[in-house]
């Protein structure tokens, strides 16, 4: 619907998800969408390649995430781009504690046990690492999402250094964070600390790793990556030369453009409402 001139292919391991998507396809007359029931590891069965691949919330549930990422890389055109989202460990500490709790006492994914689990979670002590997610994440208000988070049999998470290693093992290179500000030492409250100058002297990967530890509550990482043999023109965005003057900014739906009472010299101020950190 958003890109009517694009040819879109969707795959899912779940027959139920594929049926549901086929129903939506018919309802909205989406002639540019093809849907297949297919695991990521067999994506090569499509026998085609893609300009853009989007894989969010999937790789960290596979038995072998590296195999899944390599399979996707094999379907990406040399000058294409891939958007990946995987879990991050520190903000999910409370989830992993409760996953272990459920394993120890034998909670099963039945309707009754999930309902009992939801009741039990209301008694969590104040300050428990899961408390902020229960309070703020809309997903946790649904029993199915609660079961998926706390009773999923297979789930791994990647810190920033582990994510970069994962990307490299998959034959890819890092391009940019989907939302960059939370990772940058020159953005937000950390820029006003005595450590600001020390952080900015680190290599980029080390900066990202340090800021992840400082923020401490990231629950996921979303990145744009490219093949490690990409030809260059569609590679990582840089501001070290004058090429940036030809970039075309894309205003996202969750942003607000303010054009009144501006700072001196500003044409407008763009506010991103999607940042989960108030210092941004």
Protein backbone atom coordinates (compact mmCIF):
# COMPACT_ATOMS: atom_id res chain seq x y z
CA UNK A 1 0.00 0.00 0.00
CA UNK A 2 2.84 2.42 0.80
CA UNK A 3 4.88 1.55 -2.30
CA UNK A 4 2.41 0.62 -5.06
CA UNK A 5 5.10 0.60 -7.77
CA UNK A 6 7.32 -1.82 -5.81
CA UNK A 7 7.09 -5.60 -6.15
CA UNK A 8 6.98 -6.99 -2.60
CA UNK A 9 7.58 -10.58 -1.50
CA UNK A 10 6.67 -11.71 2.00
CA UNK A 11 7.67 -14.98 3.66
CA UNK A 12 6.67 -16.49 6.99
CA UNK A 13 7.20 -19.88 8.62
CA UNK A 14 3.65 -19.76 10.05
CA UNK A 15 0.79 -21.02 7.87
CA UNK A 16 -1.62 -18.97 10.00
CA UNK A 17 0.31 -15.76 9.33
CA UNK A 18 0.43 -16.48 5.60
CA UNK A 19 -3.33 -17.11 5.49
CA UNK A 20 -4.00 -13.88 7.38
CA UNK A 21 -1.76 -11.91 5.03
CA UNK A 22 -3.43 -13.45 1.97
CA UNK A 23 -6.79 -12.28 3.36
CA UNK A 24 -5.44 -8.74 3.74
CA UNK A 25 -3.98 -8.92 0.24
CA UNK A 26 -7.42 -9.76 -1.20
CA UNK A 27 -9.20 -7.21 0.98
CA UNK A 28 -6.97 -4.34 -0.17
CA UNK A 29 -6.39 -5.63 -3.72
CA UNK A 30 -2.61 -5.68 -3.32
CA UNK A 31 -1.49 -6.91 -6.71
CA UNK A 32 2.13 -6.03 -6.00
CA UNK A 33 2.45 -8.51 -3.09
CA UNK A 34 3.39 -12.20 -3.22
CA UNK A 35 3.32 -14.27 -0.01
CA UNK A 36 4.96 -17.66 0.63
CA UNK A 37 5.10 -20.03 3.59
CA UNK A 38 8.85 -20.45 3.85
CA UNK A 39 11.50 -20.46 6.60
CA UNK A 40 14.32 -17.94 6.25
CA UNK A 41 16.85 -20.75 5.89
CA UNK A 42 15.16 -21.73 2.59
CA UNK A 43 14.68 -18.22 1.19
CA UNK A 44 16.88 -19.23 -1.78
CA UNK A 45 13.90 -21.31 -2.99
CA UNK A 46 12.45 -18.02 -4.28
CA UNK A 47 15.22 -18.00 -6.91
CA UNK A 48 15.40 -14.22 -7.12
CA UNK A 49 17.23 -11.30 -5.52
CA UNK A 50 16.04 -8.12 -3.84
CA UNK A 51 16.91 -4.42 -3.65
CA UNK A 52 15.73 -4.24 -0.04
CA UNK A 53 15.24 -6.90 2.63
CA UNK A 54 13.46 -6.21 5.91
CA UNK A 55 13.88 -8.78 8.69
CA UNK A 56 12.78 -7.60 12.13
CA UNK A 57 12.15 -9.69 15.24
CA UNK A 58 12.97 -13.01 13.56
CA UNK A 59 16.68 -13.88 13.47
CA UNK A 60 17.05 -13.95 17.25
CA UNK A 61 14.43 -16.74 17.42
CA UNK A 62 16.16 -19.08 14.96
CA UNK A 63 18.08 -22.16 16.04
CA UNK A 64 21.04 -20.82 14.03
CA UNK A 65 20.74 -17.03 13.49
CA UNK A 66 24.00 -16.99 11.52
CA UNK A 67 22.56 -19.43 8.98
CA UNK A 68 19.45 -17.27 8.62
CA UNK A 69 21.46 -14.09 8.08
CA UNK A 70 23.72 -15.73 5.50
CA UNK A 71 20.64 -16.97 3.64
CA UNK A 72 19.22 -13.44 3.50
CA UNK A 73 22.57 -12.04 2.38
CA UNK A 74 22.52 -14.47 -0.53
CA UNK A 75 19.25 -12.92 -1.77
CA UNK A 76 20.40 -9.28 -1.50
CA UNK A 77 21.52 -7.51 -4.67
CA UNK A 78 25.12 -6.21 -4.58
CA UNK A 79 23.91 -2.60 -4.27
CA UNK A 80 20.91 -3.44 -2.05
CA UNK A 81 20.27 -2.71 1.62
CA UNK A 82 18.95 -4.77 4.51
CA UNK A 83 17.04 -3.56 7.58
CA UNK A 84 17.57 -5.86 10.58
CA UNK A 85 16.16 -5.75 14.10
CA UNK A 86 17.40 -8.05 16.86
CA UNK A 87 16.98 -8.08 20.62
CA UNK A 88 19.43 -6.22 22.86
CA UNK A 89 20.36 -7.81 26.21
CA UNK A 90 20.52 -5.08 28.86
CA UNK A 91 17.01 -3.67 28.51
CA UNK A 92 15.63 -7.21 28.43
CA UNK A 93 17.29 -8.36 31.68
CA UNK A 94 13.92 -8.52 33.43
CA UNK A 95 12.48 -10.63 30.61
CA UNK A 96 15.31 -13.15 30.86
CA UNK A 97 14.89 -13.31 34.64
CA UNK A 98 11.19 -14.11 34.25
CA UNK A 99 11.89 -16.59 31.46
CA UNK A 100 14.14 -18.47 33.88
CA UNK A 101 11.50 -18.15 36.62
CA UNK A 102 8.88 -19.71 34.33
CA UNK A 103 11.24 -22.54 33.39
CA UNK A 104 12.03 -23.30 37.03
CA UNK A 105 8.41 -23.60 38.11
CA UNK A 106 7.22 -25.22 34.89
CA UNK A 107 4.85 -22.59 33.47
CA UNK A 108 3.36 -23.87 30.20
CA UNK A 109 1.89 -21.84 27.29
CA UNK A 110 -1.74 -22.80 27.96
CA UNK A 111 -4.50 -20.20 28.23
CA UNK A 112 -4.99 -20.82 31.95
CA UNK A 113 -1.27 -20.71 32.81
CA UNK A 114 -0.72 -17.55 30.77
CA UNK A 115 -3.65 -15.93 32.58
CA UNK A 116 -2.18 -17.01 35.95
CA UNK A 117 1.21 -15.64 34.89
CA UNK A 118 -0.33 -12.26 34.06
CA UNK A 119 -1.92 -12.18 37.55
CA UNK A 120 1.36 -13.16 39.22
CA UNK A 121 3.26 -10.39 37.43
CA UNK A 122 1.05 -7.79 39.09
CA UNK A 123 2.70 -8.78 42.37
CA UNK A 124 6.25 -8.10 41.18
CA UNK A 125 8.13 -5.96 43.72
CA UNK A 126 8.76 -2.34 42.88
CA UNK A 127 12.10 -1.87 41.17
CA UNK A 128 12.10 -5.28 39.49
CA UNK A 129 13.91 -5.01 36.10
CA UNK A 130 10.73 -6.15 34.31
CA UNK A 131 8.58 -3.44 35.88
CA UNK A 132 9.32 -0.64 33.33
CA UNK A 133 8.45 -2.91 30.40
CA UNK A 134 5.22 -4.04 32.01
CA UNK A 135 4.31 -0.41 32.60
CA UNK A 136 5.38 1.09 29.29
CA UNK A 137 5.22 -1.61 26.59
CA UNK A 138 1.77 -1.93 25.05
CA UNK A 139 2.54 -5.50 23.95
CA UNK A 140 2.75 -6.68 27.53
CA UNK A 141 -0.90 -5.79 28.04
CA UNK A 142 -1.87 -8.64 25.71
CA UNK A 143 -1.65 -12.20 27.01
CA UNK A 144 -0.42 -13.58 23.68
CA UNK A 145 2.47 -11.10 23.58
CA UNK A 146 3.27 -11.83 27.22
CA UNK A 147 3.50 -15.55 26.41
CA UNK A 148 5.69 -14.83 23.39
CA UNK A 149 8.12 -12.80 25.49
CA UNK A 150 8.30 -14.95 28.62
CA UNK A 151 7.58 -18.46 27.34
CA UNK A 152 9.33 -18.45 23.96
CA UNK A 153 11.57 -21.54 23.81
CA UNK A 154 14.25 -19.86 21.68
CA UNK A 155 15.51 -16.33 22.16
CA UNK A 156 18.94 -14.71 22.00
CA UNK A 157 20.07 -11.10 22.28
CA UNK A 158 23.04 -9.12 20.94
CA UNK A 159 25.02 -6.36 22.60
CA UNK A 160 26.50 -3.79 20.22
CA UNK A 161 29.86 -5.64 19.88
CA UNK A 162 28.05 -8.95 19.42
CA UNK A 163 25.80 -7.39 16.78
CA UNK A 164 28.77 -6.08 14.78
CA UNK A 165 30.37 -9.54 14.94
CA UNK A 166 27.07 -11.11 13.84
CA UNK A 167 26.80 -8.74 10.86
CA UNK A 168 30.40 -9.44 9.80
CA UNK A 169 29.95 -13.22 10.08
CA UNK A 170 26.95 -12.86 7.77
CA UNK A 171 29.06 -11.28 5.02
CA UNK A 172 27.64 -7.79 5.62
CA UNK A 173 28.84 -4.37 6.72
CA UNK A 174 27.20 -1.90 9.09
CA UNK A 175 25.61 1.11 7.41
CA UNK A 176 23.77 3.04 10.11
CA UNK A 177 21.40 2.72 13.02
CA UNK A 178 17.79 3.17 12.03
CA UNK A 179 17.53 5.70 14.90
CA UNK A 180 20.99 7.09 15.37
CA UNK A 181 20.76 9.57 18.25
CA UNK A 182 20.47 7.01 21.11
CA UNK A 183 23.89 5.60 20.15
CA UNK A 184 25.81 8.84 19.67
CA UNK A 185 27.88 10.41 22.48
CA UNK A 186 27.24 13.90 21.08
CA UNK A 187 23.45 13.51 21.52
CA UNK A 188 21.46 13.83 24.71
CA UNK A 189 22.51 14.00 28.35
CA UNK A 190 25.73 12.04 27.93
CA UNK A 191 27.14 14.91 25.84
CA UNK A 192 27.09 17.11 28.97
CA UNK A 193 29.03 14.67 31.18
CA UNK A 194 32.77 14.90 31.98
CA UNK A 195 33.25 11.79 29.79
CA UNK A 196 31.94 13.40 26.60
CA UNK A 197 35.32 14.26 25.09
CA UNK A 198 36.76 10.88 26.05
CA UNK A 199 33.89 9.11 24.27
CA UNK A 200 34.21 11.12 21.07
CA UNK A 201 37.87 10.07 20.75
CA UNK A 202 36.89 6.39 20.55
CA UNK A 203 36.35 4.54 17.28
CA UNK A 204 32.71 4.57 16.16
CA UNK A 205 31.97 0.97 17.21
CA UNK A 206 33.46 1.61 20.64
CA UNK A 207 31.35 4.76 21.00
CA UNK A 208 28.16 2.82 20.25
CA UNK A 209 29.12 0.05 22.68
CA UNK A 210 29.87 2.51 25.47
CA UNK A 211 26.67 4.51 24.99
CA UNK A 212 24.61 1.29 25.01
CA UNK A 213 26.08 0.52 28.45
CA UNK A 214 25.48 4.08 29.66
CA UNK A 215 21.83 4.07 28.58
CA UNK A 216 21.34 0.56 29.93
CA UNK A 217 17.73 0.02 28.84
CA UNK A 218 17.87 -0.65 25.09
CA UNK A 219 15.62 -3.62 24.30
CA UNK A 220 16.40 -3.92 20.57
CA UNK A 221 18.86 -2.83 17.90
CA UNK A 222 17.65 -1.78 14.44
CA UNK A 223 20.31 -1.38 11.75
CA UNK A 224 20.72 -0.87 8.03
CA UNK A 225 23.43 -3.15 6.61
CA UNK A 226 24.97 -3.78 3.18
CA UNK A 227 26.78 -6.65 1.50
CA UNK A 228 30.50 -6.64 2.25
CA UNK A 229 31.15 -6.36 -1.50
CA UNK A 230 28.80 -3.39 -2.05
CA UNK A 231 30.06 -1.16 -4.89
CA UNK A 232 30.14 2.01 -2.81
CA UNK A 233 27.52 4.38 -4.08
CA UNK A 234 24.81 2.95 -1.83
CA UNK A 235 27.04 2.37 1.17
CA UNK A 236 27.14 3.88 4.63
CA UNK A 237 26.12 7.54 4.88
CA UNK A 238 29.12 9.73 5.61
CA UNK A 239 29.54 13.42 6.46
CA UNK A 240 33.31 13.54 5.95
CA UNK A 241 33.05 15.07 2.47
CA UNK A 242 30.55 17.30 0.62
CA UNK A 243 28.37 14.46 -0.69
CA UNK A 244 25.90 15.14 2.12
CA UNK A 245 24.84 18.34 0.37
CA UNK A 246 23.08 16.17 -2.23
CA UNK A 247 21.27 13.95 0.27
CA UNK A 248 17.48 14.21 0.29
CA UNK A 249 16.08 14.06 3.85
CA UNK A 250 13.01 11.87 4.37
CA UNK A 251 10.58 13.14 6.97
CA UNK A 252 9.12 10.22 8.93
CA UNK A 253 5.46 10.16 10.03
CA UNK A 254 6.32 10.45 13.74
CA UNK A 255 8.17 13.76 13.34
CA UNK A 256 6.83 17.28 13.87
CA UNK A 257 8.17 20.29 11.99
CA UNK A 258 8.17 23.48 14.08
CA UNK A 259 8.50 26.73 12.14
CA UNK A 260 7.64 29.32 14.79
CA UNK A 261 9.78 30.90 17.55
CA UNK A 262 12.93 29.37 16.08
CA UNK A 263 16.54 29.70 17.26
CA UNK A 264 18.53 32.31 15.30
CA UNK A 265 19.49 31.07 11.84
CA UNK A 266 17.18 28.01 11.86
CA UNK A 267 14.70 27.37 9.04
CA UNK A 268 12.76 24.85 11.14
CA UNK A 269 13.12 22.47 14.06
CA UNK A 270 12.31 18.81 13.48
CA UNK A 271 11.13 16.92 16.56
CA UNK A 272 11.17 13.11 16.60
CA UNK A 273 8.39 11.89 18.90
CA UNK A 274 9.50 8.28 18.66
CA UNK A 275 12.59 8.63 20.86
CA UNK A 276 12.11 6.62 24.05
CA UNK A 277 14.74 8.65 25.92
CA UNK A 278 13.51 11.98 27.25
CA UNK A 279 16.98 13.58 26.94
CA UNK A 280 16.62 13.25 23.16
